[in-house]
Amino acid sequence: MQSTRKEALLVGDTHYNTGKPCKKGHISIRLTNSGACKECANHRQKTVRKNSCKKQLPLLSEMVTSKKDALLKGDSQYYTGTPCKHGHISPRRANTGECMECRKTHLQGWYKSNPEKIQEYSIKYADKASERYYKTIDHAKAVRSAYRRANKDLVNAKTVKYQTAKKNQLPKWVDANELWMMKEAYDLADMRSKLFGFLWHVDHIIPLQGKKVSGLHTISNLQVIPAIINTRKSNKWVTV
């Protein structure tokens, strides 16, 4: 396990261990994505769950019956007991007066009828994240190179482990044609890296060393994706 967050980010580890106590005195591993102490994060999660249970909506009979009373009391919903214009007898939002059943129906319909907008928002978010990442790509390469020079044994051990996993997960029925196609995938990653100006990886869709499931080293389990996406995916089974 890496000793700094920067090193953990570079090698794609989800945790790192500084060996030093956090501000609350816990000597625990840290989360790479946030730098938070694992024990603190677990405590916060338990607190959030406990509070969320306390903040569950009351029964309909216990809700206030007007928007004004709900706003004064600080409640998010109220219940009049009368149907809305669409006939729903449902709680209403305190800030807008909208029927919750109407809102649910509207959102479901919007998502179904606007898949291109959802995809557009997703791409826009991914583009912004990629832009932030590639602004520091040169610095990241320098740090990665320095880490590899200073930790040759660790890097070599991890490489050997990965290569061994690939060899063990290569089925006997894979023939020369499929091996050629797999090599083409790696060539495609190199070509895209040169063409687009940023790094592309050959990723195993179902990871070779997954905790819950392990895939095979076959052409059907390979995909060529940007390195930043592969790094975020880490050792998880996530469709990209």
C-alpha atoms as a PDB file:
ATOM      1  CA  MET A   1       0.000   0.000   0.000  1.00  0.00           C
ATOM      2  CA  GLN A   2       1.264   3.445  -0.952  1.00  0.00           C
ATOM      3  CA  SER A   3       2.277   5.973   1.715  1.00  0.00           C
ATOM      4  CA  THR A   4       0.989   9.130  -0.008  1.00  0.00           C
ATOM      5  CA  ARG A   5      -2.205  10.046  -1.807  1.00  0.00           C
ATOM      6  CA  LYS A   6      -0.313  11.201  -4.901  1.00  0.00           C
ATOM      7  CA  GLU A   7       1.392   7.820  -5.275  1.00  0.00           C
ATOM      8  CA  ALA A   8      -1.910   5.995  -4.759  1.00  0.00           C
ATOM      9  CA  LEU A   9      -3.565   8.112  -7.481  1.00  0.00           C
ATOM     10  CA  LEU A  10      -0.756   7.374  -9.902  1.00  0.00           C
ATOM     11  CA  VAL A  11      -0.913   3.602  -9.489  1.00  0.00           C
ATOM     12  CA  GLY A  12      -4.723   3.471  -9.222  1.00  0.00           C
ATOM     13  CA  ASP A  13      -4.983   2.259  -5.598  1.00  0.00           C
ATOM     14  CA  THR A  14      -8.183   3.106  -3.726  1.00  0.00           C
ATOM     15  CA  HIS A  15      -6.469   3.403  -0.337  1.00  0.00           C
ATOM     16  CA  TYR A  16      -3.145   4.528   1.050  1.00  0.00           C
ATOM     17  CA  ASN A  17      -1.537   4.523   4.500  1.00  0.00           C
ATOM     18  CA  THR A  18       0.566   7.377   5.865  1.00  0.00           C
ATOM     19  CA  GLY A  19       1.057   5.746   9.258  1.00  0.00           C
ATOM     20  CA  LYS A  20       0.173   9.081  10.869  1.00  0.00           C
ATOM     21  CA  PRO A  21      -2.967   9.879  12.910  1.00  0.00           C
ATOM     22  CA  CYS A  22      -5.708  12.016  11.377  1.00  0.00           C
ATOM     23  CA  LYS A  23      -6.895  15.224  13.086  1.00  0.00           C
ATOM     24  CA  LYS A  24      -9.159  13.097  15.286  1.00  0.00           C
ATOM     25  CA  GLY A  25      -6.348  10.775  16.317  1.00  0.00           C
ATOM     26  CA  HIS A  26      -7.245   7.724  14.201  1.00  0.00           C
ATOM     27  CA  ILE A  27      -4.275   5.789  12.816  1.00  0.00           C
ATOM     28  CA  SER A  28      -6.105   4.328   9.855  1.00  0.00           C
ATOM     29  CA  ILE A  29      -5.833   3.949   6.100  1.00  0.00           C
ATOM     30  CA  ARG A  30      -6.969   6.887   3.963  1.00  0.00           C
ATOM     31  CA  LEU A  31      -9.341   7.042   0.973  1.00  0.00           C
ATOM     32  CA  THR A  32      -7.481   7.984  -2.208  1.00  0.00           C
ATOM     33  CA  ASN A  33     -10.395   9.826  -3.822  1.00  0.00           C
ATOM     34  CA  SER A  34     -10.833  12.257  -0.907  1.00  0.00           C
ATOM     35  CA  GLY A  35      -7.846  11.828   1.407  1.00  0.00           C
ATOM     36  CA  ALA A  36     -10.242  11.157   4.288  1.00  0.00           C
ATOM     37  CA  CYS A  37      -9.432   8.818   7.149  1.00  0.00           C
ATOM     38  CA  LYS A  38     -11.262   5.510   6.643  1.00  0.00           C
ATOM     39  CA  GLU A  39     -12.406   5.358  10.263  1.00  0.00           C
ATOM     40  CA  CYS A  40     -13.708   8.953  10.115  1.00  0.00           C
ATOM     41  CA  ALA A  41     -15.517   8.163   6.856  1.00  0.00           C
ATOM     42  CA  ASN A  42     -17.173   5.092   8.387  1.00  0.00           C
ATOM     43  CA  HIS A  43     -18.272   7.159  11.395  1.00  0.00           C
ATOM     44  CA  ARG A  44     -19.728   9.878   9.145  1.00  0.00           C
ATOM     45  CA  GLN A  45     -21.570   7.292   7.078  1.00  0.00           C
ATOM     46  CA  LYS A  46     -23.126   5.768  10.198  1.00  0.00           C
ATOM     47  CA  THR A  47     -24.122   9.233  11.418  1.00  0.00           C
ATOM     48  CA  VAL A  48     -25.710  10.122   8.062  1.00  0.00           C
ATOM     49  CA  ARG A  49     -27.681   6.879   8.028  1.00  0.00           C
ATOM     50  CA  LYS A  50     -28.804   7.421  11.606  1.00  0.00           C
ATOM     51  CA  ASN A  51     -29.894  10.991  10.906  1.00  0.00           C
ATOM     52  CA  SER A  52     -31.612  10.020   7.652  1.00  0.00           C
ATOM     53  CA  CYS A  53     -33.720   7.550   9.588  1.00  0.00           C
ATOM     54  CA  LYS A  54     -34.658  10.324  12.006  1.00  0.00           C
ATOM     55  CA  LYS A  55     -35.608  12.631   9.135  1.00  0.00           C
ATOM     56  CA  GLN A  56     -37.952  10.208   7.415  1.00  0.00           C
ATOM     57  CA  LEU A  57     -41.214  11.793   6.301  1.00  0.00           C
ATOM     58  CA  PRO A  58     -44.037  11.497   8.827  1.00  0.00           C
ATOM     59  CA  LEU A  59     -47.237   9.641   8.137  1.00  0.00           C
ATOM     60  CA  LEU A  60     -49.794  11.446   5.983  1.00  0.00           C
ATOM     61  CA  SER A  61     -52.008  11.941   9.020  1.00  0.00           C
ATOM     62  CA  GLU A  62     -49.114  13.652  10.831  1.00  0.00           C
ATOM     63  CA  MET A  63     -48.230  16.086   8.030  1.00  0.00           C
ATOM     64  CA  VAL A  64     -49.258  19.739   8.167  1.00  0.00           C
ATOM     65  CA  THR A  65     -52.110  20.571   5.850  1.00  0.00           C
ATOM     66  CA  SER A  66     -50.972  23.825   4.248  1.00  0.00           C
ATOM     67  CA  LYS A  67     -47.953  25.098   2.352  1.00  0.00           C
ATOM     68  CA  LYS A  68     -47.584  28.054   4.715  1.00  0.00           C
ATOM     69  CA  ASP A  69     -47.478  25.843   7.818  1.00  0.00           C
ATOM     70  CA  ALA A  70     -44.949  23.517   6.140  1.00  0.00           C
ATOM     71  CA  LEU A  71     -42.633  26.424   5.295  1.00  0.00           C
ATOM     72  CA  LEU A  72     -42.921  27.864   8.813  1.00  0.00           C
ATOM     73  CA  LYS A  73     -42.207  24.493  10.372  1.00  0.00           C
ATOM     74  CA  GLY A  74     -39.362  23.726   7.954  1.00  0.00           C
ATOM     75  CA  ASP A  75     -41.009  20.610   6.501  1.00  0.00           C
ATOM     76  CA  SER A  76     -40.287  19.643   2.899  1.00  0.00           C
ATOM     77  CA  GLN A  77     -43.816  18.371   2.202  1.00  0.00           C
ATOM     78  CA  TYR A  78     -47.416  18.863   3.295  1.00  0.00           C
ATOM     79  CA  TYR A  79     -50.656  16.966   2.712  1.00  0.00           C
ATOM     80  CA  THR A  80     -54.029  18.534   1.991  1.00  0.00           C
ATOM     81  CA  GLY A  81     -56.001  15.333   1.428  1.00  0.00           C
ATOM     82  CA  THR A  82     -57.536  16.774  -1.752  1.00  0.00           C
ATOM     83  CA  PRO A  83     -56.664  15.555  -5.239  1.00  0.00           C
ATOM     84  CA  CYS A  84     -54.460  17.611  -7.561  1.00  0.00           C
ATOM     85  CA  LYS A  85     -55.614  18.654 -11.035  1.00  0.00           C
ATOM     86  CA  HIS A  86     -54.537  15.225 -12.341  1.00  0.00           C
ATOM     87  CA  GLY A  87     -56.462  13.378  -9.643  1.00  0.00           C
ATOM     88  CA  HIS A  88     -53.507  12.332  -7.461  1.00  0.00           C
ATOM     89  CA  ILE A  89     -54.125  12.302  -3.715  1.00  0.00           C
ATOM     90  CA  SER A  90     -50.502  12.732  -2.740  1.00  0.00           C
ATOM     91  CA  PRO A  91     -48.243  14.956  -0.566  1.00  0.00           C
ATOM     92  CA  ARG A  92     -47.063  18.232  -2.080  1.00  0.00           C
ATOM     93  CA  ARG A  93     -43.704  19.990  -2.136  1.00  0.00           C
ATOM     94  CA  ALA A  94     -43.537  22.811   0.391  1.00  0.00           C
ATOM     95  CA  ASN A  95     -41.432  25.113  -1.782  1.00  0.00           C
ATOM     96  CA  THR A  96     -43.523  24.856  -4.969  1.00  0.00           C
ATOM     97  CA  GLY A  97     -46.837  23.252  -4.015  1.00  0.00           C
ATOM     98  CA  GLU A  98     -46.292  20.607  -6.705  1.00  0.00           C
ATOM     99  CA  CYS A  99     -47.951  17.217  -6.288  1.00  0.00           C
ATOM    100  CA  MET A 100     -45.235  14.632  -5.566  1.00  0.00           C
ATOM    101  CA  GLU A 101     -46.895  12.008  -7.754  1.00  0.00           C
ATOM    102  CA  CYS A 102     -47.066  14.485 -10.656  1.00  0.00           C
ATOM    103  CA  ARG A 103     -43.401  15.349 -10.130  1.00  0.00           C
ATOM    104  CA  LYS A 104     -42.414  11.678 -10.167  1.00  0.00           C
ATOM    105  CA  THR A 105     -44.362  11.060 -13.378  1.00  0.00           C
ATOM    106  CA  HIS A 106     -42.919  14.198 -15.000  1.00  0.00           C
ATOM    107  CA  LEU A 107     -39.306  13.259 -14.181  1.00  0.00           C
ATOM    108  CA  GLN A 108     -39.737   9.689 -15.407  1.00  0.00           C
ATOM    109  CA  GLY A 109     -41.217  10.952 -18.668  1.00  0.00           C
ATOM    110  CA  TRP A 110     -38.464  13.551 -19.109  1.00  0.00           C
ATOM    111  CA  TYR A 111     -35.691  10.988 -18.660  1.00  0.00           C
ATOM    112  CA  LYS A 112     -37.315   8.634 -21.160  1.00  0.00           C
ATOM    113  CA  SER A 113     -37.937  11.330 -23.785  1.00  0.00           C
ATOM    114  CA  ASN A 114     -34.576  13.117 -23.462  1.00  0.00           C
ATOM    115  CA  PRO A 115     -31.863  10.455 -23.582  1.00  0.00           C
ATOM    116  CA  GLU A 116     -29.734  12.698 -25.836  1.00  0.00           C
ATOM    117  CA  LYS A 117     -29.714  15.482 -23.226  1.00  0.00           C
ATOM    118  CA  ILE A 118     -28.716  13.067 -20.485  1.00  0.00           C
ATOM    119  CA  GLN A 119     -25.913  11.789 -22.706  1.00  0.00           C
ATOM    120  CA  GLU A 120     -24.919  15.377 -23.510  1.00  0.00           C
ATOM    121  CA  TYR A 121     -24.689  16.276 -19.814  1.00  0.00           C
ATOM    122  CA  SER A 122     -22.641  13.133 -19.134  1.00  0.00           C
ATOM    123  CA  ILE A 123     -20.203  13.911 -21.953  1.00  0.00           C
ATOM    124  CA  LYS A 124     -19.953  17.552 -20.867  1.00  0.00           C
ATOM    125  CA  TYR A 125     -19.099  16.505 -17.322  1.00  0.00           C
ATOM    126  CA  ALA A 126     -16.557  13.957 -18.559  1.00  0.00           C
ATOM    127  CA  ASP A 127     -14.971  16.586 -20.835  1.00  0.00           C
ATOM    128  CA  LYS A 128     -14.560  19.013 -17.931  1.00  0.00           C
ATOM    129  CA  ALA A 129     -13.001  16.323 -15.776  1.00  0.00           C
ATOM    130  CA  SER A 130     -10.644  15.321 -18.591  1.00  0.00           C
ATOM    131  CA  GLU A 131      -9.690  18.965 -19.158  1.00  0.00           C
ATOM    132  CA  ARG A 132      -8.739  19.381 -15.505  1.00  0.00           C
ATOM    133  CA  TYR A 133      -6.739  16.168 -15.610  1.00  0.00           C
ATOM    134  CA  TYR A 134      -4.792  16.917 -18.776  1.00  0.00           C
ATOM    135  CA  LYS A 135      -3.828  20.397 -17.572  1.00  0.00           C
ATOM    136  CA  THR A 136      -1.518  18.630 -15.134  1.00  0.00           C
ATOM    137  CA  ILE A 137      -0.519  15.696 -17.340  1.00  0.00           C
ATOM    138  CA  ASP A 138       3.127  16.750 -17.665  1.00  0.00           C
ATOM    139  CA  HIS A 139       3.504  17.121 -13.918  1.00  0.00           C
ATOM    140  CA  ALA A 140       1.778  13.774 -13.384  1.00  0.00           C
ATOM    141  CA  LYS A 141       4.164  12.054 -15.821  1.00  0.00           C
ATOM    142  CA  ALA A 142       7.160  13.537 -14.005  1.00  0.00           C
ATOM    143  CA  VAL A 143       5.861  12.384 -10.615  1.00  0.00           C
ATOM    144  CA  ARG A 144       5.058   8.935 -12.000  1.00  0.00           C
ATOM    145  CA  SER A 145       8.535   8.570 -13.485  1.00  0.00           C
ATOM    146  CA  ALA A 146      10.170   9.665 -10.244  1.00  0.00           C
ATOM    147  CA  TYR A 147       8.045   7.190  -8.290  1.00  0.00           C
ATOM    148  CA  ARG A 148       8.982   4.324 -10.609  1.00  0.00           C
ATOM    149  CA  ARG A 149      12.669   5.125 -10.321  1.00  0.00           C
ATOM    150  CA  ALA A 150      12.457   5.253  -6.529  1.00  0.00           C
ATOM    151  CA  ASN A 151      10.285   2.133  -6.209  1.00  0.00           C
ATOM    152  CA  LYS A 152      11.515  -0.225  -8.909  1.00  0.00           C
ATOM    153  CA  ASP A 153      10.916  -3.336  -6.801  1.00  0.00           C
ATOM    154  CA  LEU A 154       7.276  -2.470  -6.088  1.00  0.00           C
ATOM    155  CA  VAL A 155       6.568  -1.510  -9.694  1.00  0.00           C
ATOM    156  CA  ASN A 156       8.204  -4.673 -11.036  1.00  0.00           C
ATOM    157  CA  ALA A 157       6.291  -6.845  -8.556  1.00  0.00           C
ATOM    158  CA  LYS A 158       2.993  -5.297  -9.586  1.00  0.00           C
ATOM    159  CA  THR A 159       3.840  -5.745 -13.278  1.00  0.00           C
ATOM    160  CA  VAL A 160       4.749  -9.401 -12.762  1.00  0.00           C
ATOM    161  CA  LYS A 161       1.528  -9.971 -10.821  1.00  0.00           C
ATOM    162  CA  TYR A 162      -0.534  -8.459 -13.647  1.00  0.00           C
ATOM    163  CA  GLN A 163       1.295 -10.369 -16.381  1.00  0.00           C
ATOM    164  CA  THR A 164       0.843 -13.594 -14.423  1.00  0.00           C
ATOM    165  CA  ALA A 165      -2.876 -12.914 -14.094  1.00  0.00           C
ATOM    166  CA  LYS A 166      -3.126 -12.365 -17.868  1.00  0.00           C
ATOM    167  CA  LYS A 167      -1.337 -15.645 -18.514  1.00  0.00           C
ATOM    168  CA  ASN A 168      -3.496 -17.581 -16.040  1.00  0.00           C
ATOM    169  CA  GLN A 169      -6.723 -16.077 -17.437  1.00  0.00           C
ATOM    170  CA  LEU A 170      -5.845 -16.884 -21.070  1.00  0.00           C
ATOM    171  CA  PRO A 171      -8.047 -19.855 -22.064  1.00  0.00           C
ATOM    172  CA  LYS A 172      -6.530 -22.802 -23.918  1.00  0.00           C
ATOM    173  CA  TRP A 173      -9.108 -22.473 -26.692  1.00  0.00           C
ATOM    174  CA  VAL A 174      -7.792 -19.039 -27.773  1.00  0.00           C
ATOM    175  CA  ASP A 175      -6.278 -19.562 -31.223  1.00  0.00           C
ATOM    176  CA  ALA A 176      -3.746 -17.607 -33.284  1.00  0.00           C
ATOM    177  CA  ASN A 177      -6.421 -15.471 -34.948  1.00  0.00           C
ATOM    178  CA  GLU A 178      -7.766 -14.255 -31.613  1.00  0.00           C
ATOM    179  CA  LEU A 179      -4.258 -13.600 -30.319  1.00  0.00           C
ATOM    180  CA  TRP A 180      -3.671 -11.449 -33.399  1.00  0.00           C
ATOM    181  CA  MET A 181      -6.887  -9.477 -32.729  1.00  0.00           C
ATOM    182  CA  MET A 182      -5.816  -8.927 -29.125  1.00  0.00           C
ATOM    183  CA  LYS A 183      -2.471  -7.580 -30.312  1.00  0.00           C
ATOM    184  CA  GLU A 184      -4.380  -5.262 -32.666  1.00  0.00           C
ATOM    185  CA  ALA A 185      -6.246  -3.849 -29.667  1.00  0.00           C
ATOM    186  CA  TYR A 186      -2.942  -2.823 -28.051  1.00  0.00           C
ATOM    187  CA  ASP A 187      -1.747  -1.366 -31.351  1.00  0.00           C
ATOM    188  CA  LEU A 188      -5.005   0.599 -31.571  1.00  0.00           C
ATOM    189  CA  ALA A 189      -4.397   2.020 -28.080  1.00  0.00           C
ATOM    190  CA  ASP A 190      -0.919   3.187 -29.140  1.00  0.00           C
ATOM    191  CA  MET A 191      -2.293   4.718 -32.342  1.00  0.00           C
ATOM    192  CA  ARG A 192      -5.042   6.606 -30.501  1.00  0.00           C
ATOM    193  CA  SER A 193      -2.533   7.894 -27.941  1.00  0.00           C
ATOM    194  CA  LYS A 194      -0.452   9.414 -30.757  1.00  0.00           C
ATOM    195  CA  LEU A 195      -3.487  10.642 -32.698  1.00  0.00           C
ATOM    196  CA  PHE A 196      -5.364  12.338 -29.838  1.00  0.00           C
ATOM    197  CA  GLY A 197      -2.366  13.471 -27.827  1.00  0.00           C
ATOM    198  CA  PHE A 198      -3.327  11.711 -24.603  1.00  0.00           C
ATOM    199  CA  LEU A 199      -2.915   8.191 -23.282  1.00  0.00           C
ATOM    200  CA  TRP A 200      -5.277   5.331 -24.140  1.00  0.00           C
ATOM    201  CA  HIS A 201      -5.344   1.909 -22.424  1.00  0.00           C
ATOM    202  CA  VAL A 202      -6.510  -1.574 -23.300  1.00  0.00           C
ATOM    203  CA  ASP A 203      -8.887  -2.386 -20.460  1.00  0.00           C
ATOM    204  CA  HIS A 204     -10.379  -5.687 -19.340  1.00  0.00           C
ATOM    205  CA  ILE A 205     -14.132  -5.086 -19.095  1.00  0.00           C
ATOM    206  CA  ILE A 206     -14.407  -7.745 -16.391  1.00  0.00           C
ATOM    207  CA  PRO A 207     -11.143  -7.323 -14.422  1.00  0.00           C
ATOM    208  CA  LEU A 208      -8.651 -10.162 -14.299  1.00  0.00           C
ATOM    209  CA  GLN A 209      -8.119  -9.708 -10.561  1.00  0.00           C
ATOM    210  CA  GLY A 210     -11.558  -8.584  -9.423  1.00  0.00           C
ATOM    211  CA  LYS A 211     -12.642  -9.136  -5.829  1.00  0.00           C
ATOM    212  CA  LYS A 212     -16.069 -10.569  -6.689  1.00  0.00           C
ATOM    213  CA  VAL A 213     -15.621 -11.747 -10.269  1.00  0.00           C
ATOM    214  CA  SER A 214     -12.661 -12.286 -12.589  1.00  0.00           C
ATOM    215  CA  GLY A 215     -12.790 -12.187 -16.369  1.00  0.00           C
ATOM    216  CA  LEU A 216     -10.753 -13.902 -19.070  1.00  0.00           C
ATOM    217  CA  HIS A 217      -7.939 -12.477 -21.168  1.00  0.00           C
ATOM    218  CA  THR A 218      -9.853 -12.715 -24.445  1.00  0.00           C
ATOM    219  CA  ILE A 219     -10.739 -10.312 -27.250  1.00  0.00           C
ATOM    220  CA  SER A 220     -14.393 -10.162 -26.129  1.00  0.00           C
ATOM    221  CA  ASN A 221     -13.261  -8.912 -22.713  1.00  0.00           C
ATOM    222  CA  LEU A 222     -11.074  -6.091 -24.068  1.00  0.00           C
ATOM    223  CA  GLN A 223     -11.932  -2.467 -24.796  1.00  0.00           C
ATOM    224  CA  VAL A 224      -9.757   0.490 -25.779  1.00  0.00           C
ATOM    225  CA  ILE A 225     -10.579   3.491 -23.580  1.00  0.00           C
ATOM    226  CA  PRO A 226      -8.865   6.716 -22.404  1.00  0.00           C
ATOM    227  CA  ALA A 227      -6.356   6.127 -19.623  1.00  0.00           C
ATOM    228  CA  ILE A 228      -8.163   8.519 -17.275  1.00  0.00           C
ATOM    229  CA  ILE A 229     -11.345   6.427 -17.488  1.00  0.00           C
ATOM    230  CA  ASN A 230      -9.409   3.215 -16.986  1.00  0.00           C
ATOM    231  CA  THR A 231      -7.666   4.666 -13.935  1.00  0.00           C
ATOM    232  CA  ARG A 232     -10.971   5.702 -12.384  1.00  0.00           C
ATOM    233  CA  LYS A 233     -12.456   2.314 -13.172  1.00  0.00           C
ATOM    234  CA  SER A 234      -9.540   0.671 -11.376  1.00  0.00           C
ATOM    235  CA  ASN A 235     -10.181  -3.002 -10.580  1.00  0.00           C
ATOM    236  CA  LYS A 236     -13.978  -2.840 -10.798  1.00  0.00           C
ATOM    237  CA  TRP A 237     -16.482  -4.311 -13.220  1.00  0.00           C
ATOM    238  CA  VAL A 238     -17.953  -1.089 -14.661  1.00  0.00           C
ATOM    239  CA  THR A 239     -19.312  -0.658 -18.180  1.00  0.00           C
ATOM    240  CA  VAL A 240     -17.711   2.374 -19.866  1.00  0.00           C
END
